[in-house]
Amino acid sequence: MVNNDTAAHQGDYSKPNAKTAVEVKPSDLPIHCPMEGSSLWDSHPQVYIPVAENGGESRCPYCGTVFKLLEN
């Protein structure tokens, strides 16, 4: 059975971790995965990604998405 309330709004959310690499600005920090706007019901637990502490690039331990810190 389809929940019409849920089905009607699925287009409002992006598929979780649809990108394999995400570029982030210093103003975006701290960053977490999955990111804002992702549908969380079919994703992994939210974790903070230590991009700045790892030389400007870090990988999500759950899904493998790479987060790259852009320079100013």
PDB file of N, CA and C in Angstrom:
ATOM      1  N   MET A   1       0.840  -1.181   0.000  1.00  0.00           N
ATOM      2  CA  MET A   1       0.000   0.000   0.000  1.00  0.00           C
ATOM      3  C   MET A   1       0.886   1.245   0.000  1.00  0.00           C
ATOM      4  N   VAL A   2       0.565   2.193  -0.824  1.00  0.00           N
ATOM      5  CA  VAL A   2       1.352   3.417  -0.966  1.00  0.00           C
ATOM      6  C   VAL A   2       0.808   4.484  -0.035  1.00  0.00           C
ATOM      7  N   ASN A   3       1.695   5.120   0.684  1.00  0.00           N
ATOM      8  CA  ASN A   3       1.320   6.252   1.519  1.00  0.00           C
ATOM      9  C   ASN A   3       1.313   7.486   0.617  1.00  0.00           C
ATOM     10  N   ASN A   4       0.157   7.998   0.303  1.00  0.00           N
ATOM     11  CA  ASN A   4       0.048   9.129  -0.618  1.00  0.00           C
ATOM     12  C   ASN A   4       0.764  10.376  -0.119  1.00  0.00           C
ATOM     13  N   ASP A   5       0.803  10.589   1.185  1.00  0.00           N
ATOM     14  CA  ASP A   5       1.505  11.758   1.715  1.00  0.00           C
ATOM     15  C   ASP A   5       3.002  11.666   1.437  1.00  0.00           C
ATOM     16  N   THR A   6       3.572  10.484   1.617  1.00  0.00           N
ATOM     17  CA  THR A   6       4.998  10.298   1.373  1.00  0.00           C
ATOM     18  C   THR A   6       5.293  10.328  -0.114  1.00  0.00           C
ATOM     19  N   ALA A   7       4.519   9.615  -0.889  1.00  0.00           N
ATOM     20  CA  ALA A   7       4.758   9.533  -2.329  1.00  0.00           C
ATOM     21  C   ALA A   7       4.694  10.903  -2.994  1.00  0.00           C
ATOM     22  N   ALA A   8       3.819  11.755  -2.533  1.00  0.00           N
ATOM     23  CA  ALA A   8       3.647  13.070  -3.137  1.00  0.00           C
ATOM     24  C   ALA A   8       4.852  13.979  -2.925  1.00  0.00           C
ATOM     25  N   HIS A   9       5.652  13.716  -1.905  1.00  0.00           N
ATOM     26  CA  HIS A   9       6.765  14.613  -1.562  1.00  0.00           C
ATOM     27  C   HIS A   9       8.137  14.009  -1.828  1.00  0.00           C
ATOM     28  N   GLN A  10       8.218  12.836  -2.427  1.00  0.00           N
ATOM     29  CA  GLN A  10       9.522  12.209  -2.625  1.00  0.00           C
ATOM     30  C   GLN A  10      10.431  13.010  -3.535  1.00  0.00           C
ATOM     31  N   GLY A  11       9.859  13.760  -4.467  1.00  0.00           N
ATOM     32  CA  GLY A  11      10.671  14.584  -5.351  1.00  0.00           C
ATOM     33  C   GLY A  11      11.309  15.762  -4.651  1.00  0.00           C
ATOM     34  N   ASP A  12      10.872  16.054  -3.418  1.00  0.00           N
ATOM     35  CA  ASP A  12      11.419  17.180  -2.659  1.00  0.00           C
ATOM     36  C   ASP A  12      12.799  16.873  -2.080  1.00  0.00           C
ATOM     37  N   TYR A  13      13.186  15.607  -2.074  1.00  0.00           N
ATOM     38  CA  TYR A  13      14.450  15.196  -1.454  1.00  0.00           C
ATOM     39  C   TYR A  13      15.354  14.566  -2.495  1.00  0.00           C
ATOM     40  N   SER A  14      16.641  14.811  -2.339  1.00  0.00           N
ATOM     41  CA  SER A  14      17.584  14.170  -3.240  1.00  0.00           C
ATOM     42  C   SER A  14      17.874  12.762  -2.720  1.00  0.00           C
ATOM     43  N   LYS A  15      18.311  11.921  -3.627  1.00  0.00           N
ATOM     44  CA  LYS A  15      18.687  10.579  -3.217  1.00  0.00           C
ATOM     45  C   LYS A  15      19.914  10.707  -2.328  1.00  0.00           C
ATOM     46  N   PRO A  16      19.957  10.005  -1.191  1.00  0.00           N
ATOM     47  CA  PRO A  16      21.092  10.167  -0.288  1.00  0.00           C
ATOM     48  C   PRO A  16      22.398   9.773  -0.964  1.00  0.00           C
ATOM     49  N   ASN A  17      23.404  10.596  -0.770  1.00  0.00           N
ATOM     50  CA  ASN A  17      24.741  10.324  -1.262  1.00  0.00           C
ATOM     51  C   ASN A  17      24.757  10.070  -2.765  1.00  0.00           C
ATOM     52  N   ALA A  18      23.975  10.836  -3.508  1.00  0.00           N
ATOM     53  CA  ALA A  18      23.902  10.659  -4.953  1.00  0.00           C
ATOM     54  C   ALA A  18      25.231  11.018  -5.615  1.00  0.00           C
ATOM     55  N   LYS A  19      25.998  11.889  -4.991  1.00  0.00           N
ATOM     56  CA  LYS A  19      27.302  12.262  -5.528  1.00  0.00           C
ATOM     57  C   LYS A  19      28.377  11.423  -4.847  1.00  0.00           C
ATOM     58  N   THR A  20      29.454  11.129  -5.578  1.00  0.00           N
ATOM     59  CA  THR A  20      30.553  10.387  -4.966  1.00  0.00           C
ATOM     60  C   THR A  20      31.641  11.320  -4.462  1.00  0.00           C
ATOM     61  N   ALA A  21      31.590  12.596  -4.883  1.00  0.00           N
ATOM     62  CA  ALA A  21      32.531  13.594  -4.386  1.00  0.00           C
ATOM     63  C   ALA A  21      31.777  14.912  -4.196  1.00  0.00           C
ATOM     64  N   VAL A  22      32.029  15.550  -3.073  1.00  0.00           N
ATOM     65  CA  VAL A  22      31.354  16.799  -2.739  1.00  0.00           C
ATOM     66  C   VAL A  22      32.419  17.832  -2.400  1.00  0.00           C
ATOM     67  N   GLU A  23      32.362  18.992  -3.059  1.00  0.00           N
ATOM     68  CA  GLU A  23      33.271  20.082  -2.743  1.00  0.00           C
ATOM     69  C   GLU A  23      32.601  20.991  -1.734  1.00  0.00           C
ATOM     70  N   VAL A  24      33.321  21.318  -0.662  1.00  0.00           N
ATOM     71  CA  VAL A  24      32.765  22.160   0.392  1.00  0.00           C
ATOM     72  C   VAL A  24      33.641  23.390   0.601  1.00  0.00           C
ATOM     73  N   LYS A  25      33.003  24.494   0.955  1.00  0.00           N
ATOM     74  CA  LYS A  25      33.714  25.733   1.249  1.00  0.00           C
ATOM     75  C   LYS A  25      34.000  25.781   2.750  1.00  0.00           C
ATOM     76  N   PRO A  26      34.994  26.537   3.163  1.00  0.00           N
ATOM     77  CA  PRO A  26      35.256  26.677   4.592  1.00  0.00           C
ATOM     78  C   PRO A  26      34.030  27.146   5.371  1.00  0.00           C
ATOM     79  N   SER A  27      33.189  27.955   4.731  1.00  0.00           N
ATOM     80  CA  SER A  27      31.984  28.442   5.412  1.00  0.00           C
ATOM     81  C   SER A  27      30.941  27.339   5.618  1.00  0.00           C
ATOM     82  N   ASP A  28      31.081  26.204   4.924  1.00  0.00           N
ATOM     83  CA  ASP A  28      30.160  25.074   5.077  1.00  0.00           C
ATOM     84  C   ASP A  28      30.483  24.205   6.293  1.00  0.00           C
ATOM     85  N   LEU A  29      31.666  24.388   6.847  1.00  0.00           N
ATOM     86  CA  LEU A  29      32.110  23.531   7.959  1.00  0.00           C
ATOM     87  C   LEU A  29      31.397  23.875   9.251  1.00  0.00           C
ATOM     88  N   PRO A  30      31.136  22.954  10.128  1.00  0.00           N
ATOM     89  CA  PRO A  30      31.393  21.525   9.978  1.00  0.00           C
ATOM     90  C   PRO A  30      30.395  20.896   9.012  1.00  0.00           C
ATOM     91  N   ILE A  31      30.846  19.879   8.302  1.00  0.00           N
ATOM     92  CA  ILE A  31      30.013  19.203   7.303  1.00  0.00           C
ATOM     93  C   ILE A  31      29.678  17.796   7.794  1.00  0.00           C
ATOM     94  N   HIS A  32      28.509  17.331   7.437  1.00  0.00           N
ATOM     95  CA  HIS A  32      28.130  15.974   7.838  1.00  0.00           C
ATOM     96  C   HIS A  32      27.559  15.223   6.657  1.00  0.00           C
ATOM     97  N   CYS A  33      27.540  13.931   6.766  1.00  0.00           N
ATOM     98  CA  CYS A  33      26.992  13.054   5.746  1.00  0.00           C
ATOM     99  C   CYS A  33      25.981  12.140   6.418  1.00  0.00           C
ATOM    100  N   PRO A  34      24.808  11.931   5.852  1.00  0.00           N
ATOM    101  CA  PRO A  34      24.287  12.557   4.653  1.00  0.00           C
ATOM    102  C   PRO A  34      24.047  14.048   4.872  1.00  0.00           C
ATOM    103  N   MET A  35      24.027  14.776   3.762  1.00  0.00           N
ATOM    104  CA  MET A  35      23.926  16.229   3.821  1.00  0.00           C
ATOM    105  C   MET A  35      22.471  16.679   3.886  1.00  0.00           C
ATOM    106  N   GLU A  36      22.274  17.961   4.165  1.00  0.00           N
ATOM    107  CA  GLU A  36      20.941  18.562   4.198  1.00  0.00           C
ATOM    108  C   GLU A  36      20.233  18.293   2.874  1.00  0.00           C
ATOM    109  N   GLY A  37      18.952  18.020   2.949  1.00  0.00           N
ATOM    110  CA  GLY A  37      18.177  17.791   1.746  1.00  0.00           C
ATOM    111  C   GLY A  37      18.151  16.355   1.283  1.00  0.00           C
ATOM    112  N   SER A  38      18.929  15.481   1.936  1.00  0.00           N
ATOM    113  CA  SER A  38      18.903  14.065   1.586  1.00  0.00           C
ATOM    114  C   SER A  38      17.746  13.394   2.283  1.00  0.00           C
ATOM    115  N   SER A  39      17.174  12.394   1.636  1.00  0.00           N
ATOM    116  CA  SER A  39      16.128  11.640   2.322  1.00  0.00           C
ATOM    117  C   SER A  39      16.818  10.687   3.293  1.00  0.00           C
ATOM    118  N   LEU A  40      16.530  10.838   4.546  1.00  0.00           N
ATOM    119  CA  LEU A  40      17.262  10.091   5.570  1.00  0.00           C
ATOM    120  C   LEU A  40      16.700   8.699   5.840  1.00  0.00           C
ATOM    121  N   TRP A  41      15.505   8.419   5.376  1.00  0.00           N
ATOM    122  CA  TRP A  41      14.890   7.141   5.709  1.00  0.00           C
ATOM    123  C   TRP A  41      15.637   5.954   5.103  1.00  0.00           C
ATOM    124  N   ASP A  42      16.371   6.155   4.014  1.00  0.00           N
ATOM    125  CA  ASP A  42      17.081   5.037   3.390  1.00  0.00           C
ATOM    126  C   ASP A  42      18.587   5.283   3.354  1.00  0.00           C
ATOM    127  N   SER A  43      19.091   5.995   4.338  1.00  0.00           N
ATOM    128  CA  SER A  43      20.503   6.329   4.370  1.00  0.00           C
ATOM    129  C   SER A  43      21.147   5.813   5.643  1.00  0.00           C
ATOM    130  N   HIS A  44      22.395   6.183   5.849  1.00  0.00           N
ATOM    131  CA  HIS A  44      23.131   5.763   7.038  1.00  0.00           C
ATOM    132  C   HIS A  44      23.014   6.802   8.144  1.00  0.00           C
ATOM    133  N   PRO A  45      23.475   6.478   9.355  1.00  0.00           N
ATOM    134  CA  PRO A  45      23.446   7.468  10.451  1.00  0.00           C
ATOM    135  C   PRO A  45      24.282   8.702  10.082  1.00  0.00           C
ATOM    136  N   GLN A  46      23.878   9.843  10.591  1.00  0.00           N
ATOM    137  CA  GLN A  46      24.594  11.083  10.310  1.00  0.00           C
ATOM    138  C   GLN A  46      25.930  11.096  11.041  1.00  0.00           C
ATOM    139  N   VAL A  47      27.003  11.391  10.308  1.00  0.00           N
ATOM    140  CA  VAL A  47      28.345  11.494  10.888  1.00  0.00           C
ATOM    141  C   VAL A  47      28.991  12.785  10.410  1.00  0.00           C
ATOM    142  N   TYR A  48      29.802  13.393  11.251  1.00  0.00           N
ATOM    143  CA  TYR A  48      30.543  14.589  10.864  1.00  0.00           C
ATOM    144  C   TYR A  48      31.842  14.163  10.209  1.00  0.00           C
ATOM    145  N   ILE A  49      32.193  14.863   9.147  1.00  0.00           N
ATOM    146  CA  ILE A  49      33.354  14.516   8.332  1.00  0.00           C
ATOM    147  C   ILE A  49      34.484  15.506   8.648  1.00  0.00           C
ATOM    148  N   PRO A  50      35.633  15.014   9.133  1.00  0.00           N
ATOM    149  CA  PRO A  50      36.739  15.902   9.532  1.00  0.00           C
ATOM    150  C   PRO A  50      37.587  16.355   8.345  1.00  0.00           C
ATOM    151  N   VAL A  51      37.005  17.127   7.462  1.00  0.00           N
ATOM    152  CA  VAL A  51      37.695  17.551   6.244  1.00  0.00           C
ATOM    153  C   VAL A  51      38.910  18.414   6.556  1.00  0.00           C
ATOM    154  N   ALA A  52      38.730  19.440   7.352  1.00  0.00           N
ATOM    155  CA  ALA A  52      39.829  20.377   7.643  1.00  0.00           C
ATOM    156  C   ALA A  52      40.968  19.689   8.398  1.00  0.00           C
ATOM    157  N   GLU A  53      40.642  18.726   9.228  1.00  0.00           N
ATOM    158  CA  GLU A  53      41.659  18.041  10.029  1.00  0.00           C
ATOM    159  C   GLU A  53      42.443  17.005   9.228  1.00  0.00           C
ATOM    160  N   ASN A  54      41.946  16.628   8.056  1.00  0.00           N
ATOM    161  CA  ASN A  54      42.580  15.583   7.255  1.00  0.00           C
ATOM    162  C   ASN A  54      43.188  16.119   5.964  1.00  0.00           C
ATOM    163  N   GLY A  55      43.747  17.297   6.014  1.00  0.00           N
ATOM    164  CA  GLY A  55      44.433  17.852   4.855  1.00  0.00           C
ATOM    165  C   GLY A  55      43.525  18.292   3.723  1.00  0.00           C
ATOM    166  N   GLY A  56      42.263  18.549   4.010  1.00  0.00           N
ATOM    167  CA  GLY A  56      41.367  19.070   2.993  1.00  0.00           C
ATOM    168  C   GLY A  56      40.564  18.035   2.235  1.00  0.00           C
ATOM    169  N   GLU A  57      40.711  16.753   2.599  1.00  0.00           N
ATOM    170  CA  GLU A  57      39.926  15.716   1.944  1.00  0.00           C
ATOM    171  C   GLU A  57      39.650  14.591   2.927  1.00  0.00           C
ATOM    172  N   SER A  58      38.405  14.147   2.951  1.00  0.00           N
ATOM    173  CA  SER A  58      38.022  13.086   3.876  1.00  0.00           C
ATOM    174  C   SER A  58      36.896  12.275   3.260  1.00  0.00           C
ATOM    175  N   ARG A  59      36.795  11.017   3.641  1.00  0.00           N
ATOM    176  CA  ARG A  59      35.811  10.099   3.094  1.00  0.00           C
ATOM    177  C   ARG A  59      34.831   9.678   4.181  1.00  0.00           C
ATOM    178  N   CYS A  60      33.545   9.598   3.822  1.00  0.00           N
ATOM    179  CA  CYS A  60      32.533   9.126   4.755  1.00  0.00           C
ATOM    180  C   CYS A  60      32.784   7.639   5.043  1.00  0.00           C
ATOM    181  N   PRO A  61      32.844   7.254   6.309  1.00  0.00           N
ATOM    182  CA  PRO A  61      33.108   5.856   6.631  1.00  0.00           C
ATOM    183  C   PRO A  61      31.954   4.922   6.267  1.00  0.00           C
ATOM    184  N   TYR A  62      30.770   5.447   6.060  1.00  0.00           N
ATOM    185  CA  TYR A  62      29.617   4.605   5.733  1.00  0.00           C
ATOM    186  C   TYR A  62      29.439   4.409   4.234  1.00  0.00           C
ATOM    187  N   CYS A  63      29.391   5.498   3.478  1.00  0.00           N
ATOM    188  CA  CYS A  63      29.033   5.394   2.058  1.00  0.00           C
ATOM    189  C   CYS A  63      30.202   5.630   1.113  1.00  0.00           C
ATOM    190  N   GLY A  64      31.316   6.153   1.643  1.00  0.00           N
ATOM    191  CA  GLY A  64      32.487   6.370   0.802  1.00  0.00           C
ATOM    192  C   GLY A  64      32.511   7.681   0.045  1.00  0.00           C
ATOM    193  N   THR A  65      31.516   8.541   0.245  1.00  0.00           N
ATOM    194  CA  THR A  65      31.506   9.845  -0.417  1.00  0.00           C
ATOM    195  C   THR A  65      32.739  10.623   0.018  1.00  0.00           C
ATOM    196  N   VAL A  66      33.443  11.219  -0.960  1.00  0.00           N
ATOM    197  CA  VAL A  66      34.645  11.994  -0.671  1.00  0.00           C
ATOM    198  C   VAL A  66      34.249  13.466  -0.546  1.00  0.00           C
ATOM    199  N   PHE A  67      34.698  14.092   0.524  1.00  0.00           N
ATOM    200  CA  PHE A  67      34.453  15.521   0.767  1.00  0.00           C
ATOM    201  C   PHE A  67      35.778  16.245   0.589  1.00  0.00           C
ATOM    202  N   LYS A  68      35.789  17.253  -0.313  1.00  0.00           N
ATOM    203  CA  LYS A  68      37.012  18.014  -0.612  1.00  0.00           C
ATOM    204  C   LYS A  68      36.798  19.465  -0.211  1.00  0.00           C
ATOM    205  N   LEU A  69      37.718  19.976   0.561  1.00  0.00           N
ATOM    206  CA  LEU A  69      37.657  21.367   1.014  1.00  0.00           C
ATOM    207  C   LEU A  69      38.251  22.269  -0.041  1.00  0.00           C
ATOM    208  N   LEU A  70      37.458  23.236  -0.508  1.00  0.00           N
ATOM    209  CA  LEU A  70      37.963  24.221  -1.481  1.00  0.00           C
ATOM    210  C   LEU A  70      38.739  25.292  -0.759  1.00  0.00           C
ATOM    211  N   GLU A  71      39.749  25.812  -1.428  1.00  0.00           N
ATOM    212  CA  GLU A  71      40.498  26.923  -0.837  1.00  0.00           C
ATOM    213  C   GLU A  71      39.773  28.215  -1.168  1.00  0.00           C
ATOM    214  N   ASN A  72      39.970  29.223  -0.319  1.00  0.00           N
ATOM    215  CA  ASN A  72      39.293  30.518  -0.511  1.00  0.00           C
ATOM    216  C   ASN A  72      39.572  31.102  -1.831  1.00  0.00           C
TER     217      ASN A  72
END
